[in-house]
């Protein structure tokens, strides 16, 4: 048996190739939108992709299963569970074979036993893998978003992202029952999860790429609860806000709506083009660091620094119904950014170089920054000078300690809550370290707010300065 893991750092997402070295047949599990990459990978191993499948309807990236099956001329396999409200709407059109609990699939000498593991989503599947060329006992399980290293898939996404009211407690109870099924499996079983640290599909995923069921039984907090009630209370507590783009991914992955919405992303823009785009309220994204953006930037642009979290932040603040242009340092960076946005179904209409700011110097300006001591003094003097301090972190972060007199507005809700803010009042935004607050400050200035300052050090700098936090925990 051959097993290869393909990991996308920007999504914290894993896909798997499982193949039989005797028959040279393979199955790809949970491919992302870069479908051709799997064809190339299989060819490099002299494998023919016979099947393509996925563990569930994903929320955090656009699935490549349908495109990969078509390109590789492979059979598409999808979950047959989920019921009328949450099942694959395009399965019949794609001539997909539906998988159900207890089904068995042979890929050469490799056997995949299908488990229905609802909880994270109603249709979720896991695949128990046995290399029958060696023995009749399973060696591992591809768990998708059912069981992670150190965590489990969050059961609240259908309610919070897909807006299916009242579903998360039921899902949490289903997840508990799915986990109980693992009691029949041996400690040595390897666990191959769908995500790693940094994914928003759980609340505390481990950074180790795989584990064993025995180790998870010892140390995974999700497997320490003896009763369903205790598990439900634990798993629903302190879940982070799902990025707003999750709702769009859920819909498109369920319905098969994979239309390419933008241009080819290769359009080079002149300084005049860039100026017009900003005037037309196009989403113009500056991917430099928060420090560089604060030093000088074009008003009307949004700062989303390139990092491992770029995709999440882009999906948190960008809209699908408006075109996107990127300001980058090089063509190579443009290609990286284009791919990352494509992973969540956002397609560029063009890109420009940050060097164009030299031709638009009459527009360029800095973003004011403030340090912890100065901010503390301004907060203390707030009786004479109005000051709005906005914390754009998640709710659980806020609950575990926040600045005095601050207002909490999650970054993903900021655009919707602008109507509640005075565009002329002094505003200071902050997060934990400064990246999210730079995004927030740029959003505010792009929407016409005239007196915005970034507390670049965030809560970390506040605590290092020995200043107290308000603890709501």
Protein backbone atom coordinates (compact mmCIF):
# COMPACT_ATOMS: atom_id res chain seq x y z
CA UNK A 1 0.00 0.00 0.00
CA UNK A 2 1.10 3.54 -0.72
CA UNK A 3 -0.13 6.50 1.33
CA UNK A 4 0.80 10.09 0.62
CA UNK A 5 -0.39 13.18 2.46
CA UNK A 6 -0.62 16.50 0.65
CA UNK A 7 -0.82 19.44 3.03
CA UNK A 8 -1.77 23.01 2.23
CA UNK A 9 -0.30 25.26 4.93
CA UNK A 10 -2.56 28.20 4.08
CA UNK A 11 -5.67 26.08 4.66
CA UNK A 12 -4.14 23.77 7.29
CA UNK A 13 -5.78 21.09 5.13
CA UNK A 14 -4.73 17.55 4.25
CA UNK A 15 -5.61 15.45 1.21
CA UNK A 16 -4.61 11.81 0.84
CA UNK A 17 -3.57 9.50 -1.96
CA UNK A 18 -4.01 5.86 -1.06
CA UNK A 19 -2.90 3.36 -3.64
CA UNK A 20 -2.11 -0.28 -4.29
CA UNK A 21 1.48 -0.81 -5.40
CA UNK A 22 0.57 -4.09 -7.10
CA UNK A 23 -2.26 -2.85 -9.33
CA UNK A 24 -1.08 0.83 -9.49
CA UNK A 25 -4.62 2.04 -8.68
CA UNK A 26 -5.29 4.92 -6.30
CA UNK A 27 -8.01 6.90 -4.59
CA UNK A 28 -7.75 10.59 -3.70
CA UNK A 29 -9.55 11.71 -0.54
CA UNK A 30 -10.50 15.36 0.11
CA UNK A 31 -8.83 17.09 -2.85
CA UNK A 32 -8.89 20.88 -2.90
CA UNK A 33 -9.53 23.08 -5.93
CA UNK A 34 -6.03 22.60 -7.38
CA UNK A 35 -7.21 19.38 -9.03
CA UNK A 36 -4.42 19.06 -11.57
CA UNK A 37 -1.80 18.85 -8.81
CA UNK A 38 -3.19 15.45 -7.80
CA UNK A 39 -3.02 14.16 -11.37
CA UNK A 40 0.63 15.16 -11.50
CA UNK A 41 1.34 13.58 -8.10
CA UNK A 42 -0.31 10.29 -9.06
CA UNK A 43 1.56 10.18 -12.38
CA UNK A 44 4.86 10.71 -10.55
CA UNK A 45 4.09 7.55 -8.54
CA UNK A 46 2.94 5.69 -11.66
CA UNK A 47 -0.54 5.47 -10.17
CA UNK A 48 -3.87 5.69 -11.97
CA UNK A 49 -6.54 7.57 -10.05
CA UNK A 50 -9.50 5.22 -10.07
CA UNK A 51 -11.66 6.91 -7.43
CA UNK A 52 -12.09 10.41 -5.99
CA UNK A 53 -13.98 11.01 -2.77
CA UNK A 54 -14.31 13.33 0.20
CA UNK A 55 -15.20 12.92 3.82
CA UNK A 56 -17.84 15.65 3.91
CA UNK A 57 -19.16 18.91 2.48
CA UNK A 58 -16.30 21.24 3.34
CA UNK A 59 -16.68 24.69 4.86
CA UNK A 60 -13.17 26.08 4.66
CA UNK A 61 -12.11 25.48 1.05
CA UNK A 62 -13.59 24.82 -2.35
CA UNK A 63 -13.61 21.10 -3.11
CA UNK A 64 -11.81 19.83 -6.19
CA UNK A 65 -13.47 16.41 -6.20
CA UNK A 66 -15.74 16.97 -9.17
CA UNK A 67 -13.02 18.52 -11.35
CA UNK A 68 -10.45 15.90 -10.38
CA UNK A 69 -12.80 13.01 -11.16
CA UNK A 70 -13.49 14.55 -14.55
CA UNK A 71 -9.84 15.24 -15.38
CA UNK A 72 -8.59 11.86 -14.17
CA UNK A 73 -11.58 9.99 -15.66
CA UNK A 74 -12.16 8.51 -12.24
CA UNK A 75 -15.32 7.50 -10.41
CA UNK A 76 -16.66 10.16 -8.05
CA UNK A 77 -17.81 8.81 -4.68
CA UNK A 78 -19.89 10.97 -2.32
CA UNK A 79 -21.68 10.46 0.96
CA UNK A 80 -25.23 9.18 0.64
CA UNK A 81 -26.09 10.42 4.12
CA UNK A 82 -27.22 13.84 5.31
CA UNK A 83 -30.94 13.71 4.57
CA UNK A 84 -33.00 16.08 2.47
CA UNK A 85 -31.58 19.22 4.06
CA UNK A 86 -27.87 18.49 3.86
CA UNK A 87 -26.76 16.18 1.07
CA UNK A 88 -24.93 16.63 -2.23
CA UNK A 89 -27.20 18.43 -4.66
CA UNK A 90 -25.03 17.71 -7.70
CA UNK A 91 -24.43 13.97 -7.14
CA UNK A 92 -26.79 12.81 -9.89
CA UNK A 93 -25.50 15.33 -12.44
CA UNK A 94 -21.93 14.25 -11.73
CA UNK A 95 -22.86 10.56 -12.01
CA UNK A 96 -21.49 10.04 -8.50
CA UNK A 97 -21.78 6.78 -6.60
CA UNK A 98 -23.25 7.29 -3.14
CA UNK A 99 -21.48 5.72 -0.18
CA UNK A 100 -23.23 4.58 2.97
CA UNK A 101 -22.22 3.27 6.35
CA UNK A 102 -20.82 -0.26 6.06
CA UNK A 103 -19.94 -0.08 2.38
CA UNK A 104 -16.63 -1.56 1.31
CA UNK A 105 -14.45 -0.32 -1.51
CA UNK A 106 -11.41 -2.07 -2.97
CA UNK A 107 -8.58 -0.10 -4.53
CA UNK A 108 -6.47 -2.98 -5.78
CA UNK A 109 -5.50 -4.84 -2.61
CA UNK A 110 -6.41 -1.94 -0.32
CA UNK A 111 -9.80 -2.07 1.38
CA UNK A 112 -11.67 1.04 2.48
CA UNK A 113 -14.49 0.40 4.93
CA UNK A 114 -16.98 3.30 5.07
CA UNK A 115 -18.07 4.68 8.42
CA UNK A 116 -20.84 7.26 8.74
CA UNK A 117 -19.56 9.61 11.45
CA UNK A 118 -22.09 12.47 11.80
CA UNK A 119 -21.52 15.36 14.17
CA UNK A 120 -19.25 17.82 12.45
CA UNK A 121 -21.69 17.55 9.54
CA UNK A 122 -24.70 15.22 9.06
CA UNK A 123 -23.23 13.45 5.99
CA UNK A 124 -19.68 13.00 7.29
CA UNK A 125 -17.78 9.82 6.40
CA UNK A 126 -14.54 8.30 7.67
CA UNK A 127 -12.59 5.56 5.90
CA UNK A 128 -11.06 2.61 7.72
CA UNK A 129 -8.04 1.44 5.70
CA UNK A 130 -6.79 -2.18 5.49
CA UNK A 131 -3.85 -3.36 3.39
CA UNK A 132 -5.17 -6.84 2.56
CA UNK A 133 -1.89 -7.75 0.83
CA UNK A 134 -0.40 -7.92 4.33
CA UNK A 135 -3.26 -8.80 6.67
CA UNK A 136 -6.94 -8.49 7.49
CA UNK A 137 -6.69 -5.90 10.28
CA UNK A 138 -7.06 -2.17 9.63
CA UNK A 139 -3.95 -0.04 9.89
CA UNK A 140 -5.48 3.41 9.94
CA UNK A 141 -8.46 5.68 9.45
CA UNK A 142 -8.84 8.78 7.29
CA UNK A 143 -10.97 10.76 9.70
CA UNK A 144 -11.60 14.01 7.83
CA UNK A 145 -13.09 16.50 10.30
CA UNK A 146 -14.42 13.81 12.62
CA UNK A 147 -11.33 13.21 14.78
CA UNK A 148 -8.25 15.44 14.80
CA UNK A 149 -4.98 15.22 16.68
CA UNK A 150 -5.97 16.65 20.04
CA UNK A 151 -9.46 17.72 19.04
CA UNK A 152 -12.66 16.87 17.15
CA UNK A 153 -14.54 18.62 14.39
CA UNK A 154 -16.73 21.41 15.68
CA UNK A 155 -20.47 20.61 15.56
CA UNK A 156 -21.68 24.21 15.44
CA UNK A 157 -20.85 25.15 11.83
CA UNK A 158 -24.21 24.30 10.28
CA UNK A 159 -25.90 26.61 12.73
CA UNK A 160 -23.32 29.41 12.81
CA UNK A 161 -22.15 29.34 9.17
CA UNK A 162 -24.94 27.70 7.16
CA UNK A 163 -27.66 29.25 9.40
CA UNK A 164 -29.52 26.01 10.13
CA UNK A 165 -31.09 27.12 13.38
CA UNK A 166 -31.08 24.80 16.38
CA UNK A 167 -28.75 22.23 14.80
CA UNK A 168 -25.59 22.47 16.87
CA UNK A 169 -26.72 20.67 20.03
CA UNK A 170 -28.15 17.81 17.99
CA UNK A 171 -24.91 17.66 16.02
CA UNK A 172 -22.86 17.62 19.22
CA UNK A 173 -24.85 14.64 20.49
CA UNK A 174 -24.36 12.85 17.16
CA UNK A 175 -20.64 13.52 17.40
CA UNK A 176 -20.51 11.95 20.86
CA UNK A 177 -22.18 8.81 19.54
CA UNK A 178 -19.83 8.71 16.54
CA UNK A 179 -16.85 8.89 18.88
CA UNK A 180 -18.23 6.04 20.98
CA UNK A 181 -18.04 3.79 17.91
CA UNK A 182 -14.26 4.06 18.07
CA UNK A 183 -14.27 1.79 21.13
CA UNK A 184 -14.30 -1.22 18.81
CA UNK A 185 -11.01 -0.24 17.19
CA UNK A 186 -7.48 -1.03 18.43
CA UNK A 187 -5.08 1.41 20.07
CA UNK A 188 -2.50 0.94 17.32
CA UNK A 189 -4.83 2.31 14.64
CA UNK A 190 -3.26 5.32 12.93
CA UNK A 191 -5.34 8.49 12.67
CA UNK A 192 -4.98 10.54 9.47
CA UNK A 193 -7.03 13.75 9.97
CA UNK A 194 -8.22 16.32 7.47
CA UNK A 195 -6.77 19.38 9.22
CA UNK A 196 -3.95 20.52 11.43
CA UNK A 197 -3.17 23.44 13.70
CA UNK A 198 -4.54 26.74 12.44
CA UNK A 199 -7.78 25.36 11.01
CA UNK A 200 -11.05 26.95 12.12
CA UNK A 201 -12.80 23.56 11.84
CA UNK A 202 -11.95 22.86 15.48
CA UNK A 203 -10.87 24.91 18.48
CA UNK A 204 -7.49 23.42 19.48
CA UNK A 205 -6.09 21.20 16.74
CA UNK A 206 -2.63 19.71 17.23
CA UNK A 207 0.28 20.48 14.91
CA UNK A 208 1.39 16.83 14.61
CA UNK A 209 0.34 15.45 11.20
CA UNK A 210 -0.99 12.13 12.48
CA UNK A 211 -1.55 10.17 15.66
CA UNK A 212 -2.78 6.84 16.93
CA UNK A 213 -6.16 6.09 18.42
CA UNK A 214 -4.48 4.93 21.63
CA UNK A 215 -2.66 8.22 22.07
CA UNK A 216 -5.83 10.18 21.41
CA UNK A 217 -7.65 8.07 24.00
CA UNK A 218 -5.05 9.16 26.53
CA UNK A 219 -4.74 12.84 25.73
CA UNK A 220 -7.46 14.14 23.40
CA UNK A 221 -9.86 16.12 25.64
CA UNK A 222 -12.80 15.13 23.45
CA UNK A 223 -12.33 11.50 24.45
CA UNK A 224 -12.21 12.14 28.21
CA UNK A 225 -15.94 12.71 28.79
CA UNK A 226 -17.89 9.83 30.26
CA UNK A 227 -21.33 11.31 29.63
CA UNK A 228 -22.99 12.87 26.61
CA UNK A 229 -24.00 15.94 28.59
CA UNK A 230 -20.45 16.66 29.69
CA UNK A 231 -19.17 16.23 26.13
CA UNK A 232 -21.83 18.52 24.65
CA UNK A 233 -21.06 21.26 27.18
CA UNK A 234 -17.32 20.98 26.46
CA UNK A 235 -17.45 20.80 22.67
CA UNK A 236 -19.79 23.78 22.27
CA UNK A 237 -17.85 26.02 24.66
CA UNK A 238 -15.34 28.57 23.33
CA UNK A 239 -15.68 27.66 19.67
CA UNK A 240 -14.19 30.47 17.56
CA UNK A 241 -16.36 32.47 15.19
CA UNK A 242 -16.43 30.79 11.78
CA UNK A 243 -15.01 33.05 9.07
CA UNK A 244 -17.88 34.49 6.99
CA UNK A 245 -16.70 32.72 3.83
CA UNK A 246 -17.55 29.34 5.40
CA UNK A 247 -21.21 29.88 4.51
CA UNK A 248 -20.34 30.38 0.83
CA UNK A 249 -18.08 27.31 0.77
CA UNK A 250 -20.76 25.15 2.36
CA UNK A 251 -23.32 26.22 -0.21
CA UNK A 252 -21.07 25.84 -3.22
CA UNK A 253 -19.61 22.50 -2.12
CA UNK A 254 -23.08 21.16 -1.42
CA UNK A 255 -24.69 22.39 -4.62
CA UNK A 256 -21.75 22.02 -6.97
CA UNK A 257 -21.75 25.70 -7.92
CA UNK A 258 -18.14 26.03 -9.07
CA UNK A 259 -18.53 28.87 -11.54
CA UNK A 260 -15.35 30.90 -12.05
CA UNK A 261 -16.53 34.34 -10.98
CA UNK A 262 -13.53 36.53 -11.76
CA UNK A 263 -11.12 37.10 -14.61
CA UNK A 264 -7.97 35.17 -15.30
CA UNK A 265 -6.06 37.11 -12.65
CA UNK A 266 -3.24 37.91 -15.08
CA UNK A 267 -4.31 41.45 -15.96
CA UNK A 268 -1.51 43.89 -15.19
CA UNK A 269 -2.78 47.24 -13.95
CA UNK A 270 -1.19 50.63 -14.49
CA UNK A 271 -1.16 53.37 -11.89
CA UNK A 272 -4.15 54.96 -13.60
CA UNK A 273 -6.01 51.62 -13.61
CA UNK A 274 -5.28 51.20 -9.92
CA UNK A 275 -6.46 54.70 -9.14
CA UNK A 276 -9.71 54.04 -11.03
CA UNK A 277 -10.22 50.70 -9.29
CA UNK A 278 -9.96 52.33 -5.86
CA UNK A 279 -12.36 55.08 -6.93
CA UNK A 280 -14.83 52.44 -8.16
CA UNK A 281 -14.75 50.68 -4.75
CA UNK A 282 -13.05 47.58 -6.14
CA UNK A 283 -11.54 45.45 -3.37
CA UNK A 284 -7.88 46.39 -3.73
CA UNK A 285 -5.76 44.33 -1.38
CA UNK A 286 -2.27 45.31 -0.22
CA UNK A 287 -0.48 42.12 0.88
CA UNK A 288 2.53 43.78 2.54
CA UNK A 289 3.18 43.46 6.27
CA UNK A 290 1.20 45.55 8.72
CA UNK A 291 4.38 47.53 9.46
CA UNK A 292 4.97 48.39 5.80
CA UNK A 293 1.31 49.28 5.31
CA UNK A 294 1.38 51.62 8.31
CA UNK A 295 4.46 53.35 6.93
CA UNK A 296 2.70 54.23 3.66
CA UNK A 297 -0.31 53.00 1.76
CA UNK A 298 -2.93 54.07 -0.73
CA UNK A 299 -6.17 55.12 0.96
CA UNK A 300 -8.99 52.82 -0.09
CA UNK A 301 -6.82 49.69 -0.07
CA UNK A 302 -7.24 46.86 2.42
CA UNK A 303 -4.22 45.41 4.17
CA UNK A 304 -4.21 41.59 4.32
CA UNK A 305 -0.59 40.56 4.90
CA UNK A 306 0.64 37.42 3.16
CA UNK A 307 1.00 34.73 5.82
CA UNK A 308 -0.27 31.25 6.65
CA UNK A 309 -3.48 32.92 7.79
CA UNK A 310 -3.96 34.95 4.59
CA UNK A 311 -6.73 32.70 3.24
CA UNK A 312 -8.69 32.84 6.48
CA UNK A 313 -8.37 36.61 6.77
CA UNK A 314 -9.28 37.14 3.12
CA UNK A 315 -12.36 34.96 3.57
CA UNK A 316 -13.22 36.91 6.70
CA UNK A 317 -13.31 40.40 5.19
CA UNK A 318 -13.61 40.12 1.39
CA UNK A 319 -16.92 39.87 -0.45
CA UNK A 320 -17.75 37.44 -3.24
CA UNK A 321 -19.94 39.91 -5.12
CA UNK A 322 -17.20 42.48 -5.75
CA UNK A 323 -14.04 42.15 -7.91
CA UNK A 324 -10.63 41.75 -6.28
CA UNK A 325 -7.30 43.29 -7.25
CA UNK A 326 -4.02 42.55 -5.49
CA UNK A 327 -1.07 44.86 -4.90
CA UNK A 328 2.00 42.62 -4.70
CA UNK A 329 5.79 42.80 -4.65
CA UNK A 330 6.50 40.35 -7.49
CA UNK A 331 4.86 38.10 -10.11
CA UNK A 332 5.71 35.07 -7.96
CA UNK A 333 3.83 36.55 -5.05
CA UNK A 334 0.90 37.28 -7.36
CA UNK A 335 0.76 33.62 -8.35
CA UNK A 336 0.83 32.49 -4.72
CA UNK A 337 -1.93 34.91 -3.75
CA UNK A 338 -4.02 33.99 -6.77
CA UNK A 339 -3.83 30.29 -5.83
CA UNK A 340 -4.72 30.94 -2.19
CA UNK A 341 -7.78 32.96 -3.14
CA UNK A 342 -8.82 30.33 -5.68
CA UNK A 343 -8.83 27.74 -2.88
CA UNK A 344 -11.83 29.57 -1.38
CA UNK A 345 -13.49 30.43 -4.67
CA UNK A 346 -12.27 34.01 -4.89
CA UNK A 347 -10.81 34.89 -8.26
CA UNK A 348 -8.65 37.89 -9.08
CA UNK A 349 -9.50 40.25 -11.91
CA UNK A 350 -6.03 41.76 -11.90
CA UNK A 351 -2.93 42.69 -9.97
CA UNK A 352 -0.49 45.54 -9.66
CA UNK A 353 2.88 46.22 -8.10
CA UNK A 354 3.24 48.09 -4.81
CA UNK A 355 5.90 50.11 -6.63
CA UNK A 356 3.08 51.94 -8.38
CA UNK A 357 2.69 53.92 -5.18
CA UNK A 358 5.73 55.87 -6.36
CA UNK A 359 3.60 57.17 -9.24
CA UNK A 360 0.76 58.04 -6.87
CA UNK A 361 2.73 59.79 -4.15
CA UNK A 362 0.15 62.53 -3.86
CA UNK A 363 -2.29 59.91 -2.53
CA UNK A 364 0.02 57.87 -0.28
CA UNK A 365 -0.28 58.36 3.47
CA UNK A 366 0.67 56.56 6.72
CA UNK A 367 -1.62 54.70 9.12
CA UNK A 368 -1.23 56.12 12.64
CA UNK A 369 0.05 53.71 15.29
CA UNK A 370 -0.09 53.93 19.08
CA UNK A 371 1.84 52.20 21.86
CA UNK A 372 0.45 50.62 25.01
CA UNK A 373 1.42 53.41 27.41
CA UNK A 374 -0.03 56.17 25.24
CA UNK A 375 -3.23 54.21 24.69
CA UNK A 376 -3.59 53.62 28.44
CA UNK A 377 -3.31 57.35 29.04
CA UNK A 378 -5.88 58.14 26.35
CA UNK A 379 -8.32 55.60 27.78
CA UNK A 380 -7.87 57.12 31.26
CA UNK A 381 -8.55 60.58 29.83
CA UNK A 382 -11.59 59.42 27.91
CA UNK A 383 -13.88 61.65 29.93
CA UNK A 384 -12.71 64.79 28.14
CA UNK A 385 -11.88 63.38 24.68
CA UNK A 386 -14.14 60.79 23.12
CA UNK A 387 -12.27 57.62 22.10
CA UNK A 388 -13.65 54.37 20.75
CA UNK A 389 -11.38 51.35 21.33
CA UNK A 390 -12.46 48.38 19.21
CA UNK A 391 -11.22 44.85 19.89
CA UNK A 392 -11.59 42.77 16.69
CA UNK A 393 -10.57 39.42 18.19
CA UNK A 394 -12.91 36.46 18.61
CA UNK A 395 -15.46 36.31 21.41
CA UNK A 396 -13.59 33.64 23.39
CA UNK A 397 -10.40 35.73 23.24
CA UNK A 398 -12.35 38.75 24.48
CA UNK A 399 -13.89 36.75 27.32
CA UNK A 400 -10.47 35.70 28.58
CA UNK A 401 -9.23 39.26 28.93
CA UNK A 402 -9.72 42.59 27.21
CA UNK A 403 -8.76 46.25 27.51
CA UNK A 404 -10.81 48.47 29.82
CA UNK A 405 -13.57 50.49 28.14
CA UNK A 406 -13.08 48.58 24.87
CA UNK A 407 -15.90 47.56 22.52
CA UNK A 408 -15.89 44.09 21.01
CA UNK A 409 -16.62 43.78 17.28
CA UNK A 410 -15.32 40.57 15.71
CA UNK A 411 -13.32 41.27 12.55
CA UNK A 412 -15.77 39.29 10.43
CA UNK A 413 -18.65 41.45 11.67
CA UNK A 414 -16.91 44.80 11.38
CA UNK A 415 -18.14 45.68 7.89
CA UNK A 416 -21.75 44.98 8.88
CA UNK A 417 -21.45 47.02 12.07
CA UNK A 418 -19.99 50.18 10.54
CA UNK A 419 -23.38 51.90 10.58
CA UNK A 420 -23.18 51.96 14.38
CA UNK A 421 -19.90 53.89 14.38
CA UNK A 422 -19.28 57.62 14.05
CA UNK A 423 -17.02 58.18 11.05
CA UNK A 424 -15.36 61.22 12.63
CA UNK A 425 -14.78 60.03 16.20
CA UNK A 426 -11.27 58.89 17.21
CA UNK A 427 -11.08 55.09 16.84
CA UNK A 428 -8.29 52.77 17.99
CA UNK A 429 -8.46 49.17 16.79
CA UNK A 430 -6.54 46.26 18.23
CA UNK A 431 -6.31 42.47 18.26
CA UNK A 432 -3.83 40.12 19.93
CA UNK A 433 -0.64 41.10 18.08
CA UNK A 434 -1.50 43.58 15.33
CA UNK A 435 -2.29 41.76 12.09
CA UNK A 436 -6.07 41.63 12.42
CA UNK A 437 -6.18 45.19 13.70
CA UNK A 438 -4.23 46.38 10.65
CA UNK A 439 -6.84 44.70 8.47
CA UNK A 440 -9.60 46.33 10.52
CA UNK A 441 -8.00 49.78 10.41
CA UNK A 442 -7.59 49.58 6.65
CA UNK A 443 -11.23 48.51 6.27
CA UNK A 444 -12.37 51.50 8.30
CA UNK A 445 -10.26 54.01 6.39
CA UNK A 446 -11.35 52.47 3.06
CA UNK A 447 -14.96 53.08 4.15
CA UNK A 448 -14.40 56.75 4.89
CA UNK A 449 -13.45 56.80 8.57
CA UNK A 450 -11.10 59.72 9.07
CA UNK A 451 -9.55 59.23 12.53
CA UNK A 452 -8.36 55.63 12.84
CA UNK A 453 -5.30 54.42 14.74
CA UNK A 454 -3.89 50.90 15.02
CA UNK A 455 -2.70 49.63 18.39
CA UNK A 456 -0.15 47.47 16.61
CA UNK A 457 1.10 45.55 19.65
CA UNK A 458 -2.35 44.47 20.70
CA UNK A 459 -3.11 42.58 23.90
CA UNK A 460 0.36 41.05 23.93
CA UNK A 461 2.00 44.48 24.10
CA UNK A 462 -0.55 45.65 26.69
CA UNK A 463 0.33 42.78 29.00
CA UNK A 464 4.09 43.18 28.41
CA UNK A 465 3.70 46.77 29.57
CA UNK A 466 2.23 45.47 32.83
CA UNK A 467 -1.21 46.92 32.17
CA UNK A 468 -4.32 45.16 33.54
CA UNK A 469 -6.99 43.38 31.49
CA UNK A 470 -10.66 43.00 32.27
CA UNK A 471 -11.37 39.28 32.63
CA UNK A 472 -14.88 38.10 31.71
CA UNK A 473 -14.08 34.38 31.91
